[in-house]
Amino acid sequence: MRSIHWRPDKPSTLYWVETQDGGDAKVEVSPRDIIYTNPAEPLEGEQPEILHKLDLRYGGVAWCDDSLALVYESWYKTRRTRTWVISPGSRDTSPRILFDRSYEDVYSDPGSPMLRRTEAGTYVIAKVNKENDGGSYLLLNGSGATPEGNIPFLDLFEINTGTKERIWQSDKEIYFETVVALMSDQNVGDIHLNQLKILTSKESKTENTQYYILSWPHQRACQLTNFPHPYPQLASLHKEMIRYQRKDGVQLTATLYLPPNYDPSKDGSLPCLFWSYPGEFKSKDAAGQVRGSPNEFPGIGPTSPLLWLARRFAILSGPTIPIIGEGEEEANDRYVEQLIASAEAAVEEVIRRGVAHPNKIAVGGHSYGAFMTANLLAHAPHLFSCGIARSGAYNRTLTPLDFRTLWEATITYIEMSPFMSANKIKKPILLIHGEEDNNSGTLTMQSDRFFNALKGHGALCRLVVLPFESHGYAARESIMHVLWETDRWLQKYCVSNTSDATASEVDLDKKDCELEKKVVTSGGFSLELDNSDCSRHVQRSSLCKINQDELVSNLAETVIVEMPLCCI
């Protein structure tokens, strides 16, 4: 029994799912999942009612009322997804399939039904009425993926006939607009199309996201917000969605950012930060589809690679790295081969454009992106000067049930694990990990063991463990330190073009008792203390006060976090 929830369309009614295959996808059984429903306080002898039977894996229910609900099911191995129309209150109405498609095919995505708020504070599918029309209409809100990028839309969809009418679509020349929420849901009952109101967002490459109320029948827009540019220093940055091709013919895309006022004739090629996260696909066609919009505002998060635009880096953000396994082949069967091919295509493109210096390209990523980073430094060191890997997993044998089991595909697990190729990594790599990472695939010991393997083979590497942090980093002190560590690494091993440096160039005897010293200041920046006092080792995450005179005089409430790398 799983996915136990209250029905949002009626009071005191539960629904849940029971698997018929014991949770084992290899078991052939029909049905595979059964959805049950029952009152919270059933009458004596009342048995749970079967709501629907599924042959794929249950994916959720969108409720409307007793006459309408949408049930979702999918199957990962084939990427198939189906949407069923059911009538929860009528056993005489047979379920029927509304959509049957591959969820990898974003170009065919019909969108999702918009929800309205009920008096009880729950959300159900909104029904819409058209004047002089007895049809039963829903609003389908879609991302509108196209070969030119996402063009979001809102369709009026007749649930019985399947006919649809596009009543709104984003501008595609300059702006990127999306439907955020339905606003005309104050009254109970169906919504009249002529009284429809929706909340939309609107942004462009240079204009920050603003919110609008759009009212029918004339689609009059009323602007609600006027947020200023969050980082005016980067307001004139250059953003471009670029397209290129992998050597096996797969179409790839990436977003290229260049710093403000960049002039290729004067500035020449720049140091470049390549930041990505691979994806798995079952078909080349789906892998080559364009995702995202060239008109989206360049949002910058706390540890975003776009921060290095302020350091005059070119940023190649999200270059697509599809790992494809068509037919009976698993994607990971040719993981390293496809990873290298995708990275080579991206690097060749930015070099061809003249924006990236061939010897000053760094690679980085978080989680699966960190796994990618380590693999690229091991198997394609000619492409990159250094790497930054945050919260990654490096030994896939420690996650032995991820795709085929370790015992079924031992060679694949070993070949795609950068831990097993630690002896090949010669370029500098910075490892960062939260001390309390609770993501089952990326436990902190992944970085611990990988660091030990790298040091044992003489690699130039550094491990930073962030106290009290999980898979992502939340504390201001941690975020500022991650930025400092990353910037120092990039300046030393990318900008300065010392990509051929190895650990043999430093005195390892002096490094044997190196302490990773993290200094956190209320002033919002970090300093590295002198490493001369290595006479003692402290517990990881231990905090101790230090004399203010040991730092510069203008720092207040300074705390040092000491983490002995040699004792990990």
Protein backbone atom coordinates (compact mmCIF):
# COMPACT_ATOMS: atom_id res chain seq x y z
CA MET A 1 0.00 0.00 0.00
CA ARG A 2 1.37 3.41 -0.96
CA SER A 3 0.38 6.96 -2.00
CA ILE A 4 -2.33 7.30 0.65
CA HIS A 5 -4.15 10.63 0.19
CA TRP A 6 -7.42 12.41 0.88
CA ARG A 7 -9.65 13.03 -2.12
CA PRO A 8 -9.64 16.81 -2.71
CA ASP A 9 -13.09 16.84 -4.34
CA LYS A 10 -15.12 15.36 -1.47
CA PRO A 11 -14.83 15.21 2.32
CA SER A 12 -13.42 12.38 4.44
CA THR A 13 -12.56 10.04 1.57
CA LEU A 14 -9.25 8.26 1.17
CA TYR A 15 -7.61 6.76 -1.88
CA TRP A 16 -4.44 4.71 -2.21
CA VAL A 17 -2.56 2.30 -4.47
CA GLU A 18 -1.66 -1.36 -4.03
CA THR A 19 0.93 -2.98 -6.24
CA GLN A 20 0.27 -6.43 -7.68
CA ASP A 21 3.88 -7.21 -8.63
CA GLY A 22 5.44 -6.70 -5.23
CA GLY A 23 7.19 -3.62 -6.54
CA ASP A 24 9.31 -5.72 -8.90
CA ALA A 25 9.16 -4.39 -12.48
CA LYS A 26 10.49 -7.69 -13.81
CA VAL A 27 7.35 -9.54 -12.74
CA GLU A 28 4.87 -9.82 -15.60
CA VAL A 29 1.39 -9.27 -14.18
CA SER A 30 -1.86 -7.58 -15.16
CA PRO A 31 -2.99 -5.37 -13.57
CA ARG A 32 0.24 -4.05 -12.09
CA ASP A 33 -1.28 -1.41 -9.79
CA ILE A 34 -4.83 -1.03 -8.41
CA ILE A 35 -6.26 2.24 -7.07
CA TYR A 36 -8.70 1.89 -4.15
CA THR A 37 -10.94 4.40 -2.46
CA ASN A 38 -12.90 4.26 0.80
CA PRO A 39 -14.58 6.62 3.28
CA ALA A 40 -12.44 7.50 6.28
CA GLU A 41 -15.13 5.97 8.52
CA PRO A 42 -16.57 3.06 6.51
CA LEU A 43 -19.83 1.43 7.42
CA GLU A 44 -19.66 -1.95 9.09
CA GLY A 45 -18.66 -4.55 6.53
CA GLU A 46 -17.99 -1.94 3.84
CA GLN A 47 -15.05 -2.92 1.64
CA PRO A 48 -12.72 -0.59 -0.25
CA GLU A 49 -13.91 0.18 -3.77
CA ILE A 50 -11.67 -0.44 -6.75
CA LEU A 51 -11.38 2.86 -8.58
CA HIS A 52 -9.14 1.81 -11.48
CA LYS A 53 -6.69 -0.91 -12.58
CA LEU A 54 -3.40 -0.08 -14.31
CA ASP A 55 -0.97 -2.15 -16.39
CA LEU A 56 1.84 0.40 -16.06
CA ARG A 57 3.09 2.06 -12.87
CA TYR A 58 0.72 4.46 -11.10
CA GLY A 59 1.66 8.12 -11.50
CA GLY A 60 -1.11 10.10 -9.78
CA VAL A 61 -4.72 11.29 -10.02
CA ALA A 62 -6.06 14.72 -10.93
CA TRP A 63 -9.53 14.98 -9.36
CA CYS A 64 -12.46 17.07 -10.56
CA ASP A 65 -15.71 15.59 -9.19
CA ASP A 66 -17.65 12.33 -9.22
CA SER A 67 -18.04 12.59 -12.97
CA LEU A 68 -14.41 13.22 -13.89
CA ALA A 69 -10.88 12.37 -12.79
CA LEU A 70 -7.67 11.86 -14.75
CA VAL A 71 -5.41 8.93 -13.84
CA TYR A 72 -1.76 8.85 -14.89
CA GLU A 73 0.47 5.81 -15.40
CA SER A 74 3.92 5.36 -16.93
CA TRP A 75 6.69 2.84 -17.53
CA TYR A 76 10.31 3.95 -17.27
CA LYS A 77 11.88 1.26 -19.44
CA THR A 78 9.85 2.28 -22.49
CA ARG A 79 9.20 5.94 -21.45
CA ARG A 80 5.51 5.33 -22.17
CA THR A 81 2.89 7.39 -20.36
CA ARG A 82 -0.90 7.13 -20.49
CA THR A 83 -3.68 9.35 -19.18
CA TRP A 84 -7.06 7.78 -18.40
CA VAL A 85 -10.44 9.49 -18.07
CA ILE A 86 -12.58 7.90 -15.35
CA SER A 87 -15.88 8.70 -13.64
CA PRO A 88 -15.30 7.97 -9.93
CA GLY A 89 -19.01 8.09 -9.05
CA SER A 90 -20.31 6.01 -11.96
CA ARG A 91 -19.49 2.35 -12.39
CA ASP A 92 -21.46 2.29 -15.64
CA THR A 93 -18.98 4.60 -17.39
CA SER A 94 -15.99 2.72 -18.75
CA PRO A 95 -12.52 4.26 -18.37
CA ARG A 96 -10.94 5.42 -21.60
CA ILE A 97 -7.47 6.50 -22.65
CA LEU A 98 -7.13 10.22 -23.25
CA PHE A 99 -3.41 10.40 -24.10
CA ASP A 100 -0.93 7.63 -24.91
CA ARG A 101 2.56 8.87 -25.72
CA SER A 102 6.26 8.86 -24.87
CA TYR A 103 7.03 11.29 -22.08
CA GLU A 104 10.47 11.85 -23.64
CA ASP A 105 8.77 13.43 -26.66
CA VAL A 106 8.31 16.95 -25.32
CA TYR A 107 7.05 18.20 -28.69
CA SER A 108 3.89 16.08 -28.30
CA ASP A 109 3.14 17.10 -24.70
CA PRO A 110 -0.54 18.20 -24.64
CA GLY A 111 -0.15 20.05 -21.33
CA SER A 112 -1.66 19.57 -17.87
CA PRO A 113 -5.15 20.53 -16.65
CA MET A 114 -5.35 23.74 -14.68
CA LEU A 115 -6.62 23.44 -11.12
CA ARG A 116 -8.95 25.64 -9.12
CA ARG A 117 -9.14 26.17 -5.37
CA THR A 118 -12.16 24.79 -3.52
CA GLU A 119 -13.88 26.23 -0.46
CA ALA A 120 -12.04 23.61 1.61
CA GLY A 121 -8.68 24.90 0.38
CA THR A 122 -7.96 21.90 -1.84
CA TYR A 123 -7.36 21.97 -5.58
CA VAL A 124 -9.38 20.22 -8.29
CA ILE A 125 -9.54 20.32 -12.10
CA ALA A 126 -11.26 23.49 -13.32
CA LYS A 127 -14.20 23.05 -15.70
CA VAL A 128 -14.97 25.81 -18.18
CA ASN A 129 -18.23 26.67 -19.94
CA LYS A 130 -18.50 28.34 -23.34
CA GLU A 131 -21.48 30.50 -24.18
CA ASN A 132 -24.18 28.58 -26.08
CA ASP A 133 -22.10 25.40 -25.94
CA GLY A 134 -23.00 22.34 -23.88
CA GLY A 135 -19.52 20.82 -24.04
CA SER A 136 -17.35 19.93 -21.04
CA TYR A 137 -14.11 21.90 -21.30
CA LEU A 138 -10.80 21.87 -19.43
CA LEU A 139 -7.85 24.24 -19.63
CA LEU A 140 -4.59 22.55 -20.65
CA ASN A 141 -1.48 24.49 -19.67
CA GLY A 142 1.54 23.38 -21.72
CA SER A 143 5.22 24.24 -22.03
CA GLY A 144 4.92 24.27 -25.81
CA ALA A 145 8.27 22.74 -26.69
CA THR A 146 9.24 23.36 -30.33
CA PRO A 147 12.46 23.22 -32.37
CA GLU A 148 12.73 27.00 -31.78
CA GLY A 149 12.37 26.62 -28.01
CA ASN A 150 9.47 26.56 -25.57
CA ILE A 151 6.40 28.62 -26.48
CA PRO A 152 3.94 28.06 -23.59
CA PHE A 153 0.24 27.86 -24.38
CA LEU A 154 -3.24 27.52 -22.90
CA ASP A 155 -5.73 25.28 -24.74
CA LEU A 156 -9.47 24.97 -24.25
CA PHE A 157 -9.92 21.21 -24.41
CA GLU A 158 -13.23 19.37 -24.84
CA ILE A 159 -12.86 16.27 -22.70
CA ASN A 160 -15.42 14.15 -24.57
CA THR A 161 -14.47 14.82 -28.18
CA GLY A 162 -10.78 15.66 -27.77
CA THR A 163 -11.10 18.86 -29.77
CA LYS A 164 -9.08 21.83 -28.61
CA GLU A 165 -8.79 25.54 -29.23
CA ARG A 166 -5.68 27.60 -28.44
CA ILE A 167 -6.94 30.58 -26.47
CA TRP A 168 -3.55 31.95 -25.43
CA GLN A 169 0.09 31.57 -26.44
CA SER A 170 3.32 33.19 -25.34
CA ASP A 171 5.10 35.72 -27.47
CA LYS A 172 8.00 33.94 -29.19
CA GLU A 173 10.05 36.79 -30.62
CA ILE A 174 11.25 38.69 -27.55
CA TYR A 175 9.44 37.46 -24.43
CA PHE A 176 8.93 34.21 -22.60
CA GLU A 177 5.52 34.05 -20.90
CA THR A 178 3.97 31.30 -18.79
CA VAL A 179 0.61 30.67 -17.13
CA VAL A 180 1.17 30.60 -13.37
CA ALA A 181 -2.29 30.12 -11.86
CA LEU A 182 -6.02 30.40 -12.38
CA MET A 183 -7.46 33.50 -10.67
CA SER A 184 -11.19 33.34 -11.53
CA ASP A 185 -12.05 30.59 -9.04
CA GLN A 186 -13.76 32.57 -6.28
CA ASN A 187 -17.23 31.27 -7.12
CA VAL A 188 -18.37 27.67 -6.76
CA GLY A 189 -19.13 25.84 -10.00
CA ASP A 190 -17.88 25.94 -13.53
CA ILE A 191 -15.95 28.95 -14.83
CA HIS A 192 -17.40 30.93 -17.75
CA LEU A 193 -14.82 31.51 -20.47
CA ASN A 194 -15.73 35.20 -20.83
CA GLN A 195 -14.97 35.68 -17.13
CA LEU A 196 -11.65 33.82 -17.20
CA LYS A 197 -8.70 35.41 -15.37
CA ILE A 198 -5.22 33.95 -15.19
CA LEU A 199 -1.95 34.96 -13.56
CA THR A 200 0.95 35.02 -16.04
CA SER A 201 4.65 35.74 -15.84
CA LYS A 202 6.60 37.59 -18.51
CA GLU A 203 10.35 37.91 -18.96
CA SER A 204 13.04 38.33 -21.60
CA LYS A 205 16.79 37.93 -21.89
CA THR A 206 17.26 41.38 -20.35
CA GLU A 207 14.02 42.02 -18.42
CA ASN A 208 13.35 40.51 -15.01
CA THR A 209 10.24 38.37 -14.49
CA GLN A 210 7.07 40.40 -13.90
CA TYR A 211 3.54 39.20 -13.15
CA TYR A 212 0.29 40.08 -14.90
CA ILE A 213 -3.44 39.40 -14.61
CA LEU A 214 -4.89 38.47 -18.00
CA SER A 215 -8.69 38.90 -18.29
CA TRP A 216 -11.07 37.54 -20.91
CA PRO A 217 -12.81 38.07 -23.30
CA HIS A 218 -10.33 40.69 -24.58
CA GLN A 219 -7.24 39.27 -22.85
CA ARG A 220 -6.54 42.62 -21.25
CA ALA A 221 -3.27 42.53 -19.28
CA CYS A 222 -2.84 44.29 -15.94
CA GLN A 223 0.73 44.45 -14.65
CA LEU A 224 1.03 43.56 -10.95
CA THR A 225 4.75 43.84 -10.28
CA ASN A 226 7.68 46.01 -11.28
CA PHE A 227 10.67 44.24 -9.80
CA PRO A 228 14.03 45.92 -10.48
CA HIS A 229 16.85 44.05 -12.14
CA PRO A 230 18.33 41.82 -9.37
CA TYR A 231 21.95 42.25 -10.56
CA PRO A 232 22.27 45.41 -12.68
CA GLN A 233 26.04 44.86 -13.02
CA LEU A 234 25.21 41.96 -15.37
CA ALA A 235 22.23 43.55 -17.09
CA SER A 236 24.02 43.74 -20.43
CA LEU A 237 25.28 40.15 -20.49
CA HIS A 238 24.93 38.23 -23.73
CA LYS A 239 22.74 35.10 -23.83
CA GLU A 240 22.32 32.79 -26.80
CA MET A 241 20.87 29.31 -27.30
CA ILE A 242 23.35 27.53 -29.55
CA ARG A 243 22.86 24.38 -31.61
CA TYR A 244 25.46 21.91 -32.77
CA GLN A 245 25.77 18.21 -33.60
CA ARG A 246 27.42 15.19 -32.02
CA LYS A 247 29.53 12.98 -34.28
CA ASP A 248 26.80 10.29 -34.28
CA GLY A 249 24.28 12.80 -35.64
CA VAL A 250 22.43 13.63 -32.41
CA GLN A 251 21.39 17.29 -32.29
CA LEU A 252 22.60 19.11 -29.17
CA THR A 253 21.89 22.50 -27.61
CA ALA A 254 23.41 24.69 -24.92
CA THR A 255 23.02 28.20 -23.54
CA LEU A 256 26.07 30.37 -24.04
CA TYR A 257 26.54 33.38 -21.77
CA LEU A 258 29.16 36.06 -22.35
CA PRO A 259 30.09 38.83 -19.90
CA PRO A 260 28.74 42.37 -20.27
CA ASN A 261 30.34 44.49 -22.98
CA TYR A 262 32.29 41.57 -24.38
CA ASP A 263 33.96 42.51 -27.66
CA PRO A 264 35.49 39.51 -29.45
CA SER A 265 37.80 41.71 -31.49
CA LYS A 266 39.27 43.34 -28.39
CA ASP A 267 38.80 40.72 -25.68
CA GLY A 268 39.56 37.65 -27.75
CA SER A 269 38.82 34.21 -26.35
CA LEU A 270 37.87 33.90 -22.68
CA PRO A 271 38.29 31.33 -19.94
CA CYS A 272 35.18 29.17 -20.07
CA LEU A 273 33.15 27.26 -17.46
CA PHE A 274 31.29 24.22 -18.83
CA TRP A 275 28.47 23.30 -16.40
CA SER A 276 26.06 20.47 -17.15
CA TYR A 277 23.99 17.47 -16.03
CA PRO A 278 23.56 14.42 -18.31
CA GLY A 279 20.16 12.93 -19.19
CA GLU A 280 19.07 9.45 -20.24
CA PHE A 281 16.93 8.79 -23.33
CA LYS A 282 15.51 5.85 -25.28
CA SER A 283 15.63 7.51 -28.70
CA LYS A 284 17.91 9.84 -30.62
CA ASP A 285 14.95 11.90 -31.82
CA ALA A 286 13.83 12.67 -28.27
CA ALA A 287 17.40 13.35 -27.16
CA GLY A 288 17.78 15.95 -29.90
CA GLN A 289 14.63 17.90 -29.06
CA VAL A 290 15.05 21.49 -27.84
CA ARG A 291 14.13 22.16 -24.21
CA GLY A 292 13.91 25.60 -22.68
CA SER A 293 13.54 29.03 -24.26
CA PRO A 294 16.15 31.44 -25.63
CA ASN A 295 14.07 34.29 -24.19
CA GLU A 296 14.16 33.26 -20.52
CA PHE A 297 15.66 35.70 -18.04
CA PRO A 298 19.09 34.52 -16.84
CA GLY A 299 18.30 33.75 -13.22
CA ILE A 300 21.35 33.44 -10.97
CA GLY A 301 21.14 31.24 -7.88
CA PRO A 302 23.43 31.26 -4.82
CA THR A 303 26.02 28.91 -6.33
CA SER A 304 25.18 29.40 -10.01
CA PRO A 305 28.01 29.18 -12.56
CA LEU A 306 26.66 32.44 -14.04
CA LEU A 307 28.26 34.28 -11.14
CA TRP A 308 31.56 33.90 -12.99
CA LEU A 309 30.34 36.23 -15.70
CA ALA A 310 31.48 38.90 -13.24
CA ARG A 311 34.95 37.35 -13.53
CA ARG A 312 34.85 37.67 -17.33
CA PHE A 313 34.25 33.99 -17.99
CA ALA A 314 32.27 32.59 -20.87
CA ILE A 315 29.67 30.22 -19.41
CA LEU A 316 28.39 27.21 -21.32
CA SER A 317 25.31 26.38 -19.27
CA GLY A 318 23.42 23.11 -19.61
CA PRO A 319 25.01 21.69 -22.76
CA THR A 320 22.85 18.66 -23.46
CA ILE A 321 24.62 15.39 -22.77
CA PRO A 322 22.15 12.67 -23.81
CA ILE A 323 23.02 9.11 -22.84
CA ILE A 324 20.94 7.04 -25.26
CA GLY A 325 19.97 3.39 -25.05
CA GLU A 326 17.69 2.44 -27.94
CA GLY A 327 15.74 -0.81 -28.10
CA GLU A 328 17.07 -3.41 -25.66
CA GLU A 329 20.26 -1.46 -25.05
CA GLU A 330 20.57 0.35 -21.72
CA ALA A 331 21.72 3.96 -21.83
CA ASN A 332 24.64 3.28 -19.52
CA ASP A 333 26.01 0.51 -21.76
CA ARG A 334 27.82 3.23 -23.72
CA TYR A 335 27.92 5.94 -21.06
CA VAL A 336 31.57 6.98 -21.34
CA GLU A 337 31.56 6.92 -25.13
CA GLN A 338 28.48 9.17 -25.41
CA LEU A 339 29.63 11.43 -22.58
CA ILE A 340 32.92 12.15 -24.34
CA ALA A 341 31.22 12.65 -27.73
CA SER A 342 28.79 15.22 -26.26
CA ALA A 343 31.51 17.11 -24.41
CA GLU A 344 33.78 17.16 -27.45
CA ALA A 345 31.00 18.58 -29.61
CA ALA A 346 30.28 21.35 -27.09
CA VAL A 347 33.93 22.28 -26.57
CA GLU A 348 34.61 22.31 -30.32
CA GLU A 349 31.64 24.64 -30.83
CA VAL A 350 32.72 27.30 -28.32
CA ILE A 351 36.28 27.14 -29.64
CA ARG A 352 35.01 27.45 -33.23
CA ARG A 353 33.07 30.55 -32.22
CA GLY A 354 36.24 32.04 -30.78
CA VAL A 355 34.74 32.76 -27.35
CA ALA A 356 36.62 30.10 -25.36
CA HIS A 357 40.36 29.67 -24.98
CA PRO A 358 41.19 26.01 -25.80
CA ASN A 359 43.49 25.67 -22.78
CA LYS A 360 41.23 27.48 -20.32
CA ILE A 361 38.01 25.47 -20.22
CA ALA A 362 36.90 24.15 -16.83
CA VAL A 363 34.17 21.55 -16.30
CA GLY A 364 31.80 21.33 -13.35
CA GLY A 365 28.53 19.98 -12.06
CA HIS A 366 26.44 19.01 -9.05
CA SER A 367 25.35 15.46 -8.13
CA TYR A 368 25.10 13.55 -11.44
CA GLY A 369 26.93 16.52 -12.94
CA ALA A 370 29.80 15.88 -10.50
CA PHE A 371 29.87 12.26 -11.65
CA MET A 372 30.07 13.57 -15.21
CA THR A 373 32.90 15.94 -14.26
CA ALA A 374 35.06 13.21 -12.76
CA ASN A 375 34.48 10.94 -15.75
CA LEU A 376 35.43 13.65 -18.24
CA LEU A 377 38.67 14.41 -16.40
CA ALA A 378 39.45 10.68 -16.41
CA HIS A 379 38.54 9.89 -20.02
CA ALA A 380 38.75 13.23 -21.88
CA PRO A 381 41.50 15.23 -20.13
CA HIS A 382 42.42 16.92 -23.42
CA LEU A 383 39.20 18.95 -23.25
CA PHE A 384 39.47 20.60 -19.84
CA SER A 385 42.02 22.36 -17.65
CA CYS A 386 40.40 21.47 -14.30
CA GLY A 387 37.14 20.33 -12.71
CA ILE A 388 34.72 21.19 -9.89
CA ALA A 389 32.56 18.35 -8.58
CA ARG A 390 29.90 19.05 -5.94
CA SER A 391 28.01 16.38 -3.98
CA GLY A 392 28.72 13.62 -6.44
CA ALA A 393 28.85 9.81 -6.53
CA TYR A 394 31.98 8.30 -8.01
CA ASN A 395 31.73 4.58 -7.31
CA ARG A 396 28.58 3.12 -8.86
CA THR A 397 29.16 -0.24 -7.17
CA LEU A 398 27.93 1.48 -3.99
CA THR A 399 24.54 1.99 -5.70
CA PRO A 400 24.23 -1.55 -7.11
CA LEU A 401 20.53 -1.49 -8.02
CA ASP A 402 20.37 1.72 -10.06
CA PHE A 403 19.72 0.28 -13.54
CA ARG A 404 20.52 -3.35 -14.21
CA THR A 405 21.99 -4.71 -11.00
CA LEU A 406 25.70 -4.71 -10.33
CA TRP A 407 25.74 -8.51 -10.59
CA GLU A 408 24.05 -8.42 -14.00
CA ALA A 409 26.20 -5.64 -15.47
CA THR A 410 29.42 -5.73 -13.48
CA ILE A 411 31.60 -4.44 -16.31
CA THR A 412 29.25 -1.52 -17.02
CA TYR A 413 29.23 -0.46 -13.36
CA ILE A 414 33.01 -0.55 -13.22
CA GLU A 415 33.64 1.19 -16.56
CA MET A 416 31.37 4.12 -15.77
CA SER A 417 32.71 4.66 -12.23
CA PRO A 418 35.38 7.38 -12.15
CA PHE A 419 36.58 5.88 -8.86
CA MET A 420 37.84 2.94 -10.89
CA SER A 421 39.73 5.36 -13.15
CA ALA A 422 41.23 7.52 -10.40
CA ASN A 423 44.69 6.61 -11.67
CA LYS A 424 43.87 8.33 -14.99
CA ILE A 425 42.88 11.71 -13.49
CA LYS A 426 45.80 14.10 -13.86
CA LYS A 427 43.98 17.43 -14.12
CA PRO A 428 43.19 19.37 -10.90
CA ILE A 429 39.80 18.47 -9.38
CA LEU A 430 37.98 20.21 -6.53
CA LEU A 431 35.56 18.01 -4.57
CA ILE A 432 32.87 19.64 -2.41
CA HIS A 433 30.35 17.69 -0.34
CA GLY A 434 27.86 18.26 2.45
CA GLU A 435 28.86 16.40 5.60
CA GLU A 436 25.31 15.12 6.15
CA ASP A 437 24.27 14.32 2.57
CA ASN A 438 21.13 12.21 2.93
CA ASN A 439 20.71 11.45 -0.76
CA SER A 440 21.08 7.68 -0.89
CA GLY A 441 23.14 7.76 -4.08
CA THR A 442 25.58 10.46 -3.01
CA LEU A 443 26.53 9.77 0.58
CA THR A 444 29.49 11.81 1.81
CA MET A 445 31.76 8.77 1.83
CA GLN A 446 31.64 8.83 -1.99
CA SER A 447 33.84 11.94 -1.95
CA ASP A 448 35.89 10.65 0.99
CA ARG A 449 36.85 7.45 -0.83
CA PHE A 450 37.37 9.16 -4.18
CA PHE A 451 39.64 11.77 -2.59
CA ASN A 452 41.75 9.06 -0.97
CA ALA A 453 42.05 7.22 -4.29
CA LEU A 454 43.08 10.40 -6.11
CA LYS A 455 45.68 11.35 -3.50
CA GLY A 456 47.03 7.82 -3.52
CA HIS A 457 47.71 8.15 -7.25
CA GLY A 458 49.31 11.57 -6.98
CA ALA A 459 46.43 13.62 -8.39
CA LEU A 460 46.17 17.33 -7.65
CA CYS A 461 42.90 17.42 -5.75
CA ARG A 462 41.17 19.12 -2.85
CA LEU A 463 38.23 17.95 -0.73
CA VAL A 464 35.98 20.44 1.07
CA VAL A 465 33.39 18.98 3.45
CA LEU A 466 30.69 21.43 4.57
CA PRO A 467 29.51 20.95 8.18
CA PHE A 468 25.79 20.33 8.74
CA GLU A 469 24.97 20.50 5.01
CA SER A 470 22.99 17.93 3.03
CA HIS A 471 22.88 17.29 -0.74
CA GLY A 472 22.33 20.97 -1.44
CA TYR A 473 23.90 23.80 0.53
CA ALA A 474 21.77 26.19 2.57
CA ALA A 475 23.81 28.13 5.14
CA ARG A 476 25.16 31.50 4.07
CA GLU A 477 28.56 30.55 5.43
CA SER A 478 28.62 27.37 3.34
CA ILE A 479 27.50 29.11 0.16
CA MET A 480 30.07 31.87 0.51
CA HIS A 481 32.79 29.33 1.12
CA VAL A 482 31.76 27.22 -1.88
CA LEU A 483 32.03 30.34 -4.04
CA TRP A 484 35.43 31.21 -2.61
CA GLU A 485 36.78 27.70 -3.09
CA THR A 486 35.42 27.54 -6.64
CA ASP A 487 36.74 30.95 -7.60
CA ARG A 488 40.17 30.24 -6.18
CA TRP A 489 40.29 26.93 -8.09
CA LEU A 490 39.25 28.53 -11.37
CA GLN A 491 41.66 31.43 -11.03
CA LYS A 492 44.56 29.10 -10.24
CA TYR A 493 43.96 26.22 -12.67
CA CYS A 494 41.85 27.73 -15.45
CA VAL A 495 42.56 31.45 -15.81
CA SER A 496 46.27 31.03 -15.10
CA ASN A 497 46.48 28.20 -17.63
CA THR A 498 48.16 25.75 -15.27
CA SER A 499 45.99 22.84 -16.40
CA ASP A 500 49.00 20.56 -16.71
CA ALA A 501 49.83 20.90 -13.03
CA THR A 502 49.89 17.70 -11.02
CA ALA A 503 50.40 16.87 -7.41
CA SER A 504 54.00 15.93 -8.18
CA GLU A 505 54.77 19.62 -8.53
CA VAL A 506 54.08 20.29 -4.86
CA ASP A 507 55.83 19.02 -1.79
CA LEU A 508 53.51 16.23 -0.67
CA ASP A 509 55.38 15.86 2.61
CA LYS A 510 54.14 19.30 3.62
CA LYS A 511 50.62 18.39 2.55
CA ASP A 512 50.44 15.29 4.72
CA CYS A 513 48.96 17.26 7.61
CA GLU A 514 47.13 19.89 5.59
CA LEU A 515 43.99 21.22 7.25
CA GLU A 516 41.11 22.45 5.19
CA LYS A 517 40.40 25.74 6.98
CA LYS A 518 37.11 27.43 6.33
CA VAL A 519 36.82 30.97 7.66
CA VAL A 520 33.35 32.48 7.86
CA THR A 521 32.90 36.18 8.46
CA SER A 522 29.92 38.41 9.03
CA GLY A 523 31.27 40.61 6.27
CA GLY A 524 30.21 38.04 3.65
CA PHE A 525 33.59 36.90 2.39
CA SER A 526 36.17 34.28 3.24
CA LEU A 527 39.87 34.10 3.89
CA GLU A 528 42.24 31.18 3.96
CA LEU A 529 44.37 30.99 7.08
CA ASP A 530 48.02 30.09 7.00
CA ASN A 531 48.57 26.34 7.08
CA SER A 532 51.79 26.51 9.08
CA ASP A 533 50.23 25.26 12.32
CA CYS A 534 49.46 21.62 11.47
CA SER A 535 50.57 20.19 14.76
CA ARG A 536 47.15 18.88 15.70
CA HIS A 537 44.15 17.35 14.01
CA VAL A 538 40.60 18.28 14.97
CA GLN A 539 37.30 16.50 14.53
CA ARG A 540 35.49 17.35 11.32
CA SER A 541 32.89 20.06 11.93
CA SER A 542 34.37 21.13 15.28
CA LEU A 543 34.06 24.85 15.88
CA CYS A 544 36.55 26.95 17.81
CA LYS A 545 36.92 30.67 18.43
CA ILE A 546 40.17 32.30 17.36
CA ASN A 547 41.84 35.52 18.35
CA GLN A 548 40.67 38.49 16.30
CA ASP A 549 44.30 39.63 15.99
CA GLU A 550 45.02 36.57 13.87
CA LEU A 551 42.81 38.00 11.14
CA VAL A 552 42.47 41.44 9.64
CA SER A 553 41.21 44.03 12.10
CA ASN A 554 37.86 44.76 10.43
CA LEU A 555 36.42 41.24 10.75
CA ALA A 556 33.85 40.59 13.44
CA GLU A 557 32.46 37.38 14.97
CA THR A 558 34.89 35.21 13.04
CA VAL A 559 34.54 31.44 13.29
CA ILE A 560 36.94 28.88 11.91
CA VAL A 561 35.83 25.41 10.81
CA GLU A 562 38.76 23.04 10.58
CA MET A 563 38.58 19.80 8.61
CA PRO A 564 41.70 17.60 8.44
CA LEU A 565 41.96 16.27 4.91
CA CYS A 566 44.64 13.78 5.79
CA CYS A 567 42.48 12.20 8.48
CA ILE A 568 39.37 11.56 6.38
